[in-house]
Amino acid sequence: MITISDKALEQIKRLKAQQNLGDDYGLRISVKGGGCSGLSYGLDFENEMHKGDQVFEDKGIKLFVDMKSFLYLAGTQLDFSDGLNGKGFHFVNPNAARTCGCGESFSV
């Protein structure tokens, strides 16, 4: 399962409102090759499931994850930080053996 923190929920709702996206939109979370640690996270708004997707719901937000990405993301929490050390979404991924300094890529 993948979960979202309360701070991430607030930011997701804010972004959906700014983009005039309805309740049928959730988040597509993915993992792609690249980044300084080998794998990088992807995060986009989505309103439909693709064949083979794992679909979760947390705090009223649908989360769409393709099966390949889910293997890297099981147990991950999506968080949001607006502090002095950086602003943006962050992934708390128990499967990541190493992350880069910016937190946008990881390796297993």
PDB file of N, CA and C in Angstrom:
ATOM      1  N   MET A   1       0.845  -1.188   0.000  1.00  0.00           N
ATOM      2  CA  MET A   1       0.000   0.000   0.000  1.00  0.00           C
ATOM      3  C   MET A   1       0.883   1.242   0.000  1.00  0.00           C
ATOM      4  N   ILE A   2       0.359   2.296  -0.551  1.00  0.00           N
ATOM      5  CA  ILE A   2       1.013   3.606  -0.566  1.00  0.00           C
ATOM      6  C   ILE A   2       0.078   4.577   0.144  1.00  0.00           C
ATOM      7  N   THR A   3       0.648   5.433   0.991  1.00  0.00           N
ATOM      8  CA  THR A   3      -0.167   6.371   1.760  1.00  0.00           C
ATOM      9  C   THR A   3       0.319   7.800   1.527  1.00  0.00           C
ATOM     10  N   ILE A   4      -0.502   8.749   1.966  1.00  0.00           N
ATOM     11  CA  ILE A   4      -0.126  10.156   1.872  1.00  0.00           C
ATOM     12  C   ILE A   4      -0.260  10.797   3.262  1.00  0.00           C
ATOM     13  N   SER A   5       0.628  11.719   3.556  1.00  0.00           N
ATOM     14  CA  SER A   5       0.583  12.422   4.846  1.00  0.00           C
ATOM     15  C   SER A   5      -0.476  13.526   4.784  1.00  0.00           C
ATOM     16  N   ASP A   6      -0.801  14.061   5.947  1.00  0.00           N
ATOM     17  CA  ASP A   6      -1.775  15.153   6.006  1.00  0.00           C
ATOM     18  C   ASP A   6      -1.275  16.387   5.248  1.00  0.00           C
ATOM     19  N   LYS A   7       0.027  16.694   5.367  1.00  0.00           N
ATOM     20  CA  LYS A   7       0.588  17.857   4.643  1.00  0.00           C
ATOM     21  C   LYS A   7       0.522  17.635   3.132  1.00  0.00           C
ATOM     22  N   ALA A   8       0.803  16.406   2.684  1.00  0.00           N
ATOM     23  CA  ALA A   8       0.706  16.105   1.248  1.00  0.00           C
ATOM     24  C   ALA A   8      -0.739  16.243   0.786  1.00  0.00           C
ATOM     25  N   LEU A   9      -1.674  15.784   1.598  1.00  0.00           N
ATOM     26  CA  LEU A   9      -3.093  15.896   1.256  1.00  0.00           C
ATOM     27  C   LEU A   9      -3.489  17.354   1.045  1.00  0.00           C
ATOM     28  N   GLU A  10      -3.079  18.234   1.946  1.00  0.00           N
ATOM     29  CA  GLU A  10      -3.395  19.659   1.817  1.00  0.00           C
ATOM     30  C   GLU A  10      -2.861  20.219   0.497  1.00  0.00           C
ATOM     31  N   GLN A  11      -1.625  19.864   0.152  1.00  0.00           N
ATOM     32  CA  GLN A  11      -1.020  20.377  -1.078  1.00  0.00           C
ATOM     33  C   GLN A  11      -1.692  19.786  -2.317  1.00  0.00           C
ATOM     34  N   ILE A  12      -2.047  18.516  -2.280  1.00  0.00           N
ATOM     35  CA  ILE A  12      -2.736  17.878  -3.407  1.00  0.00           C
ATOM     36  C   ILE A  12      -4.066  18.585  -3.646  1.00  0.00           C
ATOM     37  N   LYS A  13      -4.816  18.833  -2.586  1.00  0.00           N
ATOM     38  CA  LYS A  13      -6.104  19.530  -2.718  1.00  0.00           C
ATOM     39  C   LYS A  13      -5.902  20.936  -3.280  1.00  0.00           C
ATOM     40  N   ARG A  14      -4.867  21.623  -2.818  1.00  0.00           N
ATOM     41  CA  ARG A  14      -4.573  22.974  -3.290  1.00  0.00           C
ATOM     42  C   ARG A  14      -4.254  22.956  -4.801  1.00  0.00           C
ATOM     43  N   LEU A  15      -3.416  22.018  -5.209  1.00  0.00           N
ATOM     44  CA  LEU A  15      -3.040  21.927  -6.626  1.00  0.00           C
ATOM     45  C   LEU A  15      -4.226  21.534  -7.510  1.00  0.00           C
ATOM     46  N   LYS A  16      -5.049  20.607  -7.021  1.00  0.00           N
ATOM     47  CA  LYS A  16      -6.238  20.220  -7.792  1.00  0.00           C
ATOM     48  C   LYS A  16      -7.175  21.412  -7.983  1.00  0.00           C
ATOM     49  N   ALA A  17      -7.356  22.216  -6.943  1.00  0.00           N
ATOM     50  CA  ALA A  17      -8.216  23.395  -7.035  1.00  0.00           C
ATOM     51  C   ALA A  17      -7.641  24.415  -8.015  1.00  0.00           C
ATOM     52  N   GLN A  18      -6.319  24.637  -7.974  1.00  0.00           N
ATOM     53  CA  GLN A  18      -5.680  25.587  -8.889  1.00  0.00           C
ATOM     54  C   GLN A  18      -5.832  25.164 -10.343  1.00  0.00           C
ATOM     55  N   GLN A  19      -5.840  23.845 -10.588  1.00  0.00           N
ATOM     56  CA  GLN A  19      -5.929  23.333 -11.955  1.00  0.00           C
ATOM     57  C   GLN A  19      -7.359  22.963 -12.353  1.00  0.00           C
ATOM     58  N   ASN A  20      -8.321  23.275 -11.480  1.00  0.00           N
ATOM     59  CA  ASN A  20      -9.735  22.985 -11.728  1.00  0.00           C
ATOM     60  C   ASN A  20      -9.974  21.512 -12.048  1.00  0.00           C
ATOM     61  N   LEU A  21      -9.361  20.627 -11.280  1.00  0.00           N
ATOM     62  CA  LEU A  21      -9.528  19.191 -11.462  1.00  0.00           C
ATOM     63  C   LEU A  21     -10.604  18.684 -10.512  1.00  0.00           C
ATOM     64  N   GLY A  22     -11.477  17.840 -11.012  1.00  0.00           N
ATOM     65  CA  GLY A  22     -12.570  17.305 -10.207  1.00  0.00           C
ATOM     66  C   GLY A  22     -12.142  16.187  -9.282  1.00  0.00           C
ATOM     67  N   ASP A  23     -13.115  15.674  -8.540  1.00  0.00           N
ATOM     68  CA  ASP A  23     -12.850  14.604  -7.584  1.00  0.00           C
ATOM     69  C   ASP A  23     -12.453  13.296  -8.259  1.00  0.00           C
ATOM     70  N   ASP A  24     -12.706  13.174  -9.565  1.00  0.00           N
ATOM     71  CA  ASP A  24     -12.334  11.945 -10.268  1.00  0.00           C
ATOM     72  C   ASP A  24     -10.830  11.866 -10.539  1.00  0.00           C
ATOM     73  N   TYR A  25     -10.104  12.947 -10.282  1.00  0.00           N
ATOM     74  CA  TYR A  25      -8.659  12.949 -10.480  1.00  0.00           C
ATOM     75  C   TYR A  25      -7.943  12.504  -9.207  1.00  0.00           C
ATOM     76  N   GLY A  26      -6.972  11.632  -9.401  1.00  0.00           N
ATOM     77  CA  GLY A  26      -6.110  11.186  -8.322  1.00  0.00           C
ATOM     78  C   GLY A  26      -4.665  11.415  -8.746  1.00  0.00           C
ATOM     79  N   LEU A  27      -3.766  10.677  -8.133  1.00  0.00           N
ATOM     80  CA  LEU A  27      -2.345  10.811  -8.451  1.00  0.00           C
ATOM     81  C   LEU A  27      -1.813   9.531  -9.081  1.00  0.00           C
ATOM     82  N   ARG A  28      -1.045   9.687 -10.134  1.00  0.00           N
ATOM     83  CA  ARG A  28      -0.275   8.579 -10.680  1.00  0.00           C
ATOM     84  C   ARG A  28       1.138   8.721 -10.130  1.00  0.00           C
ATOM     85  N   ILE A  29       1.561   7.704  -9.402  1.00  0.00           N
ATOM     86  CA  ILE A  29       2.898   7.675  -8.826  1.00  0.00           C
ATOM     87  C   ILE A  29       3.682   6.616  -9.575  1.00  0.00           C
ATOM     88  N   SER A  30       4.872   6.979 -10.038  1.00  0.00           N
ATOM     89  CA  SER A  30       5.644   6.034 -10.840  1.00  0.00           C
ATOM     90  C   SER A  30       7.126   6.105 -10.495  1.00  0.00           C
ATOM     91  N   VAL A  31       7.852   5.113 -10.969  1.00  0.00           N
ATOM     92  CA  VAL A  31       9.298   5.050 -10.838  1.00  0.00           C
ATOM     93  C   VAL A  31       9.855   4.864 -12.237  1.00  0.00           C
ATOM     94  N   LYS A  32      10.855   5.666 -12.573  1.00  0.00           N
ATOM     95  CA  LYS A  32      11.487   5.600 -13.890  1.00  0.00           C
ATOM     96  C   LYS A  32      12.992   5.530 -13.700  1.00  0.00           C
ATOM     97  N   GLY A  33      13.676   4.980 -14.670  1.00  0.00           N
ATOM     98  CA  GLY A  33      15.129   4.975 -14.642  1.00  0.00           C
ATOM     99  C   GLY A  33      15.653   6.387 -14.824  1.00  0.00           C
ATOM    100  N   GLY A  34      16.705   6.740 -14.090  1.00  0.00           N
ATOM    101  CA  GLY A  34      17.300   8.064 -14.214  1.00  0.00           C
ATOM    102  C   GLY A  34      17.564   8.684 -12.863  1.00  0.00           C
ATOM    103  N   GLY A  35      18.066   9.870 -12.880  1.00  0.00           N
ATOM    104  CA  GLY A  35      18.417  10.554 -11.647  1.00  0.00           C
ATOM    105  C   GLY A  35      19.803  10.154 -11.193  1.00  0.00           C
ATOM    106  N   CYS A  36      20.325  10.878 -10.251  1.00  0.00           N
ATOM    107  CA  CYS A  36      21.710  10.635  -9.828  1.00  0.00           C
ATOM    108  C   CYS A  36      21.876   9.344  -9.037  1.00  0.00           C
ATOM    109  N   SER A  37      20.785   8.752  -8.532  1.00  0.00           N
ATOM    110  CA  SER A  37      20.902   7.492  -7.804  1.00  0.00           C
ATOM    111  C   SER A  37      20.411   6.287  -8.595  1.00  0.00           C
ATOM    112  N   GLY A  38      19.942   6.504  -9.818  1.00  0.00           N
ATOM    113  CA  GLY A  38      19.538   5.387 -10.668  1.00  0.00           C
ATOM    114  C   GLY A  38      18.062   5.287 -10.966  1.00  0.00           C
ATOM    115  N   LEU A  39      17.198   5.630 -10.012  1.00  0.00           N
ATOM    116  CA  LEU A  39      15.751   5.587 -10.210  1.00  0.00           C
ATOM    117  C   LEU A  39      15.164   6.913  -9.734  1.00  0.00           C
ATOM    118  N   SER A  40      14.144   7.397 -10.442  1.00  0.00           N
ATOM    119  CA  SER A  40      13.519   8.651 -10.029  1.00  0.00           C
ATOM    120  C   SER A  40      12.007   8.485  -9.929  1.00  0.00           C
ATOM    121  N   TYR A  41      11.401   9.316  -9.117  1.00  0.00           N
ATOM    122  CA  TYR A  41       9.966   9.277  -8.880  1.00  0.00           C
ATOM    123  C   TYR A  41       9.236  10.140  -9.899  1.00  0.00           C
ATOM    124  N   GLY A  42       8.027   9.726 -10.241  1.00  0.00           N
ATOM    125  CA  GLY A  42       7.143  10.520 -11.085  1.00  0.00           C
ATOM    126  C   GLY A  42       5.830  10.735 -10.352  1.00  0.00           C
ATOM    127  N   LEU A  43       5.238  11.898 -10.539  1.00  0.00           N
ATOM    128  CA  LEU A  43       4.003  12.257  -9.855  1.00  0.00           C
ATOM    129  C   LEU A  43       3.186  13.142 -10.782  1.00  0.00           C
ATOM    130  N   ASP A  44       1.994  12.664 -11.176  1.00  0.00           N
ATOM    131  CA  ASP A  44       1.125  13.403 -12.083  1.00  0.00           C
ATOM    132  C   ASP A  44      -0.328  13.191 -11.680  1.00  0.00           C
ATOM    133  N   PHE A  45      -1.178  14.144 -12.040  1.00  0.00           N
ATOM    134  CA  PHE A  45      -2.607  13.945 -11.838  1.00  0.00           C
ATOM    135  C   PHE A  45      -3.134  13.038 -12.937  1.00  0.00           C
ATOM    136  N   GLU A  46      -4.076  12.179 -12.584  1.00  0.00           N
ATOM    137  CA  GLU A  46      -4.620  11.175 -13.498  1.00  0.00           C
ATOM    138  C   GLU A  46      -6.077  10.942 -13.132  1.00  0.00           C
ATOM    139  N   ASN A  47      -6.886  10.631 -14.133  1.00  0.00           N
ATOM    140  CA  ASN A  47      -8.285  10.341 -13.830  1.00  0.00           C
ATOM    141  C   ASN A  47      -8.759   8.999 -14.364  1.00  0.00           C
ATOM    142  N   GLU A  48      -7.826   8.159 -14.800  1.00  0.00           N
ATOM    143  CA  GLU A  48      -8.243   6.831 -15.240  1.00  0.00           C
ATOM    144  C   GLU A  48      -7.169   5.789 -14.952  1.00  0.00           C
ATOM    145  N   MET A  49      -7.667   4.605 -14.721  1.00  0.00           N
ATOM    146  CA  MET A  49      -6.804   3.469 -14.426  1.00  0.00           C
ATOM    147  C   MET A  49      -6.307   2.868 -15.737  1.00  0.00           C
ATOM    148  N   HIS A  50      -5.052   2.428 -15.760  1.00  0.00           N
ATOM    149  CA  HIS A  50      -4.494   1.727 -16.910  1.00  0.00           C
ATOM    150  C   HIS A  50      -4.470   0.233 -16.609  1.00  0.00           C
ATOM    151  N   LYS A  51      -4.433  -0.561 -17.645  1.00  0.00           N
ATOM    152  CA  LYS A  51      -4.388  -2.014 -17.470  1.00  0.00           C
ATOM    153  C   LYS A  51      -3.163  -2.386 -16.631  1.00  0.00           C
ATOM    154  N   GLY A  52      -3.375  -3.199 -15.610  1.00  0.00           N
ATOM    155  CA  GLY A  52      -2.296  -3.642 -14.745  1.00  0.00           C
ATOM    156  C   GLY A  52      -1.989  -2.730 -13.576  1.00  0.00           C
ATOM    157  N   ASP A  53      -2.712  -1.621 -13.458  1.00  0.00           N
ATOM    158  CA  ASP A  53      -2.479  -0.694 -12.340  1.00  0.00           C
ATOM    159  C   ASP A  53      -2.902  -1.293 -11.006  1.00  0.00           C
ATOM    160  N   GLN A  54      -2.190  -0.907  -9.983  1.00  0.00           N
ATOM    161  CA  GLN A  54      -2.624  -1.096  -8.604  1.00  0.00           C
ATOM    162  C   GLN A  54      -3.277   0.224  -8.223  1.00  0.00           C
ATOM    163  N   VAL A  55      -4.455   0.176  -7.632  1.00  0.00           N
ATOM    164  CA  VAL A  55      -5.161   1.398  -7.257  1.00  0.00           C
ATOM    165  C   VAL A  55      -5.408   1.369  -5.756  1.00  0.00           C
ATOM    166  N   PHE A  56      -4.997   2.434  -5.096  1.00  0.00           N
ATOM    167  CA  PHE A  56      -5.180   2.583  -3.659  1.00  0.00           C
ATOM    168  C   PHE A  56      -5.960   3.870  -3.423  1.00  0.00           C
ATOM    169  N   GLU A  57      -6.543   3.985  -2.260  1.00  0.00           N
ATOM    170  CA  GLU A  57      -7.163   5.240  -1.870  1.00  0.00           C
ATOM    171  C   GLU A  57      -6.753   5.542  -0.439  1.00  0.00           C
ATOM    172  N   ASP A  58      -6.268   6.755  -0.223  1.00  0.00           N
ATOM    173  CA  ASP A  58      -5.893   7.191   1.110  1.00  0.00           C
ATOM    174  C   ASP A  58      -6.373   8.619   1.305  1.00  0.00           C
ATOM    175  N   LYS A  59      -7.075   8.839   2.392  1.00  0.00           N
ATOM    176  CA  LYS A  59      -7.585  10.165   2.738  1.00  0.00           C
ATOM    177  C   LYS A  59      -8.446  10.758   1.612  1.00  0.00           C
ATOM    178  N   GLY A  60      -9.152   9.879   0.878  1.00  0.00           N
ATOM    179  CA  GLY A  60     -10.036  10.320  -0.194  1.00  0.00           C
ATOM    180  C   GLY A  60      -9.352  10.582  -1.518  1.00  0.00           C
ATOM    181  N   ILE A  61      -8.062  10.310  -1.641  1.00  0.00           N
ATOM    182  CA  ILE A  61      -7.319  10.527  -2.887  1.00  0.00           C
ATOM    183  C   ILE A  61      -6.976   9.180  -3.502  1.00  0.00           C
ATOM    184  N   LYS A  62      -7.333   8.987  -4.775  1.00  0.00           N
ATOM    185  CA  LYS A  62      -6.956   7.763  -5.482  1.00  0.00           C
ATOM    186  C   LYS A  62      -5.496   7.845  -5.902  1.00  0.00           C
ATOM    187  N   LEU A  63      -4.809   6.728  -5.747  1.00  0.00           N
ATOM    188  CA  LEU A  63      -3.407   6.618  -6.126  1.00  0.00           C
ATOM    189  C   LEU A  63      -3.268   5.498  -7.145  1.00  0.00           C
ATOM    190  N   PHE A  64      -2.801   5.834  -8.350  1.00  0.00           N
ATOM    191  CA  PHE A  64      -2.629   4.870  -9.430  1.00  0.00           C
ATOM    192  C   PHE A  64      -1.145   4.536  -9.554  1.00  0.00           C
ATOM    193  N   VAL A  65      -0.811   3.245  -9.557  1.00  0.00           N
ATOM    194  CA  VAL A  65       0.582   2.822  -9.631  1.00  0.00           C
ATOM    195  C   VAL A  65       0.675   1.624 -10.561  1.00  0.00           C
ATOM    196  N   ASP A  66       1.541   1.705 -11.581  1.00  0.00           N
ATOM    197  CA  ASP A  66       1.737   0.538 -12.436  1.00  0.00           C
ATOM    198  C   ASP A  66       2.480  -0.527 -11.641  1.00  0.00           C
ATOM    199  N   MET A  67       2.327  -1.785 -12.036  1.00  0.00           N
ATOM    200  CA  MET A  67       2.867  -2.892 -11.253  1.00  0.00           C
ATOM    201  C   MET A  67       4.390  -2.835 -11.110  1.00  0.00           C
ATOM    202  N   LYS A  68       5.100  -2.443 -12.157  1.00  0.00           N
ATOM    203  CA  LYS A  68       6.557  -2.358 -12.077  1.00  0.00           C
ATOM    204  C   LYS A  68       6.976  -1.330 -11.024  1.00  0.00           C
ATOM    205  N   SER A  69       6.332  -0.174 -11.027  1.00  0.00           N
ATOM    206  CA  SER A  69       6.645   0.863 -10.040  1.00  0.00           C
ATOM    207  C   SER A  69       6.277   0.422  -8.634  1.00  0.00           C
ATOM    208  N   PHE A  70       5.163  -0.314  -8.520  1.00  0.00           N
ATOM    209  CA  PHE A  70       4.713  -0.736  -7.194  1.00  0.00           C
ATOM    210  C   PHE A  70       5.758  -1.609  -6.500  1.00  0.00           C
ATOM    211  N   LEU A  71       6.502  -2.390  -7.263  1.00  0.00           N
ATOM    212  CA  LEU A  71       7.538  -3.234  -6.668  1.00  0.00           C
ATOM    213  C   LEU A  71       8.566  -2.392  -5.909  1.00  0.00           C
ATOM    214  N   TYR A  72       8.811  -1.164  -6.358  1.00  0.00           N
ATOM    215  CA  TYR A  72       9.746  -0.255  -5.697  1.00  0.00           C
ATOM    216  C   TYR A  72       9.075   0.613  -4.627  1.00  0.00           C
ATOM    217  N   LEU A  73       7.749   0.749  -4.703  1.00  0.00           N
ATOM    218  CA  LEU A  73       7.049   1.724  -3.865  1.00  0.00           C
ATOM    219  C   LEU A  73       6.219   1.137  -2.732  1.00  0.00           C
ATOM    220  N   ALA A  74       6.124  -0.169  -2.619  1.00  0.00           N
ATOM    221  CA  ALA A  74       5.295  -0.780  -1.570  1.00  0.00           C
ATOM    222  C   ALA A  74       5.709  -0.237  -0.204  1.00  0.00           C
ATOM    223  N   GLY A  75       4.737   0.251   0.547  1.00  0.00           N
ATOM    224  CA  GLY A  75       4.997   0.779   1.883  1.00  0.00           C
ATOM    225  C   GLY A  75       5.444   2.229   1.930  1.00  0.00           C
ATOM    226  N   THR A  76       5.477   2.890   0.782  1.00  0.00           N
ATOM    227  CA  THR A  76       5.941   4.283   0.705  1.00  0.00           C
ATOM    228  C   THR A  76       4.864   5.257   1.177  1.00  0.00           C
ATOM    229  N   GLN A  77       5.307   6.349   1.787  1.00  0.00           N
ATOM    230  CA  GLN A  77       4.410   7.447   2.133  1.00  0.00           C
ATOM    231  C   GLN A  77       4.829   8.688   1.354  1.00  0.00           C
ATOM    232  N   LEU A  78       3.853   9.346   0.735  1.00  0.00           N
ATOM    233  CA  LEU A  78       4.087  10.613   0.057  1.00  0.00           C
ATOM    234  C   LEU A  78       3.900  11.719   1.089  1.00  0.00           C
ATOM    235  N   ASP A  79       4.907  12.564   1.230  1.00  0.00           N
ATOM    236  CA  ASP A  79       4.869  13.646   2.205  1.00  0.00           C
ATOM    237  C   ASP A  79       5.118  14.968   1.473  1.00  0.00           C
ATOM    238  N   PHE A  80       4.886  16.065   2.157  1.00  0.00           N
ATOM    239  CA  PHE A  80       5.135  17.390   1.597  1.00  0.00           C
ATOM    240  C   PHE A  80       5.820  18.236   2.646  1.00  0.00           C
ATOM    241  N   SER A  81       6.840  18.955   2.214  1.00  0.00           N
ATOM    242  CA  SER A  81       7.570  19.840   3.114  1.00  0.00           C
ATOM    243  C   SER A  81       7.541  21.255   2.553  1.00  0.00           C
ATOM    244  N   ASP A  82       7.313  22.219   3.419  1.00  0.00           N
ATOM    245  CA  ASP A  82       7.362  23.623   2.990  1.00  0.00           C
ATOM    246  C   ASP A  82       8.329  24.402   3.873  1.00  0.00           C
ATOM    247  N   GLY A  83       9.315  23.691   4.400  1.00  0.00           N
ATOM    248  CA  GLY A  83      10.282  24.302   5.313  1.00  0.00           C
ATOM    249  C   GLY A  83      11.465  24.910   4.601  1.00  0.00           C
ATOM    250  N   LEU A  84      12.407  25.382   5.391  1.00  0.00           N
ATOM    251  CA  LEU A  84      13.598  26.042   4.866  1.00  0.00           C
ATOM    252  C   LEU A  84      14.544  25.081   4.145  1.00  0.00           C
ATOM    253  N   ASN A  85      14.474  23.801   4.463  1.00  0.00           N
ATOM    254  CA  ASN A  85      15.369  22.818   3.847  1.00  0.00           C
ATOM    255  C   ASN A  85      14.866  22.322   2.504  1.00  0.00           C
ATOM    256  N   GLY A  86      13.839  22.908   1.982  1.00  0.00           N
ATOM    257  CA  GLY A  86      13.327  22.507   0.686  1.00  0.00           C
ATOM    258  C   GLY A  86      11.820  22.398   0.705  1.00  0.00           C
ATOM    259  N   LYS A  87      11.223  22.798  -0.390  1.00  0.00           N
ATOM    260  CA  LYS A  87       9.778  22.763  -0.512  1.00  0.00           C
ATOM    261  C   LYS A  87       9.410  21.789  -1.611  1.00  0.00           C
ATOM    262  N   GLY A  88       8.434  20.930  -1.332  1.00  0.00           N
ATOM    263  CA  GLY A  88       7.955  20.025  -2.356  1.00  0.00           C
ATOM    264  C   GLY A  88       7.565  18.676  -1.785  1.00  0.00           C
ATOM    265  N   PHE A  89       7.127  17.811  -2.687  1.00  0.00           N
ATOM    266  CA  PHE A  89       6.744  16.463  -2.301  1.00  0.00           C
ATOM    267  C   PHE A  89       7.997  15.631  -2.064  1.00  0.00           C
ATOM    268  N   HIS A  90       7.919  14.764  -1.063  1.00  0.00           N
ATOM    269  CA  HIS A  90       9.016  13.869  -0.717  1.00  0.00           C
ATOM    270  C   HIS A  90       8.460  12.471  -0.525  1.00  0.00           C
ATOM    271  N   PHE A  91       9.213  11.483  -0.917  1.00  0.00           N
ATOM    272  CA  PHE A  91       8.809  10.097  -0.772  1.00  0.00           C
ATOM    273  C   PHE A  91       9.568   9.463   0.387  1.00  0.00           C
ATOM    274  N   VAL A  92       8.844   8.927   1.345  1.00  0.00           N
ATOM    275  CA  VAL A  92       9.432   8.187   2.449  1.00  0.00           C
ATOM    276  C   VAL A  92       9.306   6.720   2.058  1.00  0.00           C
ATOM    277  N   ASN A  93      10.383   6.203   1.453  1.00  0.00           N
ATOM    278  CA  ASN A  93      10.349   4.889   0.825  1.00  0.00           C
ATOM    279  C   ASN A  93      11.216   3.904   1.609  1.00  0.00           C
ATOM    280  N   PRO A  94      10.588   2.921   2.275  1.00  0.00           N
ATOM    281  CA  PRO A  94      11.366   1.955   3.050  1.00  0.00           C
ATOM    282  C   PRO A  94      12.201   1.015   2.172  1.00  0.00           C
ATOM    283  N   ASN A  95      11.953   0.991   0.878  1.00  0.00           N
ATOM    284  CA  ASN A  95      12.682   0.115  -0.039  1.00  0.00           C
ATOM    285  C   ASN A  95      13.956   0.755  -0.582  1.00  0.00           C
ATOM    286  N   ALA A  96      14.120   2.045  -0.378  1.00  0.00           N
ATOM    287  CA  ALA A  96      15.278   2.762  -0.913  1.00  0.00           C
ATOM    288  C   ALA A  96      16.501   2.505  -0.041  1.00  0.00           C
ATOM    289  N   ALA A  97      17.536   1.954  -0.648  1.00  0.00           N
ATOM    290  CA  ALA A  97      18.780   1.715   0.078  1.00  0.00           C
ATOM    291  C   ALA A  97      19.599   2.995   0.156  1.00  0.00           C
ATOM    292  N   ARG A  98      19.463   3.850  -0.871  1.00  0.00           N
ATOM    293  CA  ARG A  98      20.217   5.102  -0.927  1.00  0.00           C
ATOM    294  C   ARG A  98      19.382   6.134  -1.680  1.00  0.00           C
ATOM    295  N   THR A  99      19.430   7.381  -1.222  1.00  0.00           N
ATOM    296  CA  THR A  99      18.758   8.463  -1.934  1.00  0.00           C
ATOM    297  C   THR A  99      19.774   9.549  -2.234  1.00  0.00           C
ATOM    298  N   CYS A 100      19.471  10.365  -3.220  1.00  0.00           N
ATOM    299  CA  CYS A 100      20.363  11.471  -3.539  1.00  0.00           C
ATOM    300  C   CYS A 100      20.086  12.637  -2.595  1.00  0.00           C
ATOM    301  N   GLY A 101      20.918  13.648  -2.640  1.00  0.00           N
ATOM    302  CA  GLY A 101      20.767  14.801  -1.758  1.00  0.00           C
ATOM    303  C   GLY A 101      19.460  15.560  -1.954  1.00  0.00           C
ATOM    304  N   CYS A 102      18.961  15.593  -3.178  1.00  0.00           N
ATOM    305  CA  CYS A 102      17.733  16.339  -3.442  1.00  0.00           C
ATOM    306  C   CYS A 102      16.487  15.517  -3.114  1.00  0.00           C
ATOM    307  N   GLY A 103      16.642  14.209  -2.931  1.00  0.00           N
ATOM    308  CA  GLY A 103      15.503  13.354  -2.586  1.00  0.00           C
ATOM    309  C   GLY A 103      14.635  12.970  -3.756  1.00  0.00           C
ATOM    310  N   GLU A 104      15.043  13.309  -4.970  1.00  0.00           N
ATOM    311  CA  GLU A 104      14.235  13.008  -6.147  1.00  0.00           C
ATOM    312  C   GLU A 104      14.588  11.694  -6.811  1.00  0.00           C
ATOM    313  N   SER A 105      15.683  11.074  -6.387  1.00  0.00           N
ATOM    314  CA  SER A 105      16.040   9.774  -6.952  1.00  0.00           C
ATOM    315  C   SER A 105      16.553   8.857  -5.848  1.00  0.00           C
ATOM    316  N   PHE A 106      16.580   7.558  -6.161  1.00  0.00           N
ATOM    317  CA  PHE A 106      16.957   6.572  -5.159  1.00  0.00           C
ATOM    318  C   PHE A 106      17.502   5.322  -5.840  1.00  0.00           C
ATOM    319  N   SER A 107      18.052   4.433  -5.045  1.00  0.00           N
ATOM    320  CA  SER A 107      18.455   3.125  -5.534  1.00  0.00           C
ATOM    321  C   SER A 107      18.009   2.086  -4.519  1.00  0.00           C
ATOM    322  N   VAL A 108      17.909   0.835  -4.976  1.00  0.00           N
ATOM    323  CA  VAL A 108      17.488  -0.255  -4.083  1.00  0.00           C
ATOM    324  C   VAL A 108      18.614  -1.261  -3.912  1.00  0.00           C
TER     325      VAL A 108
END
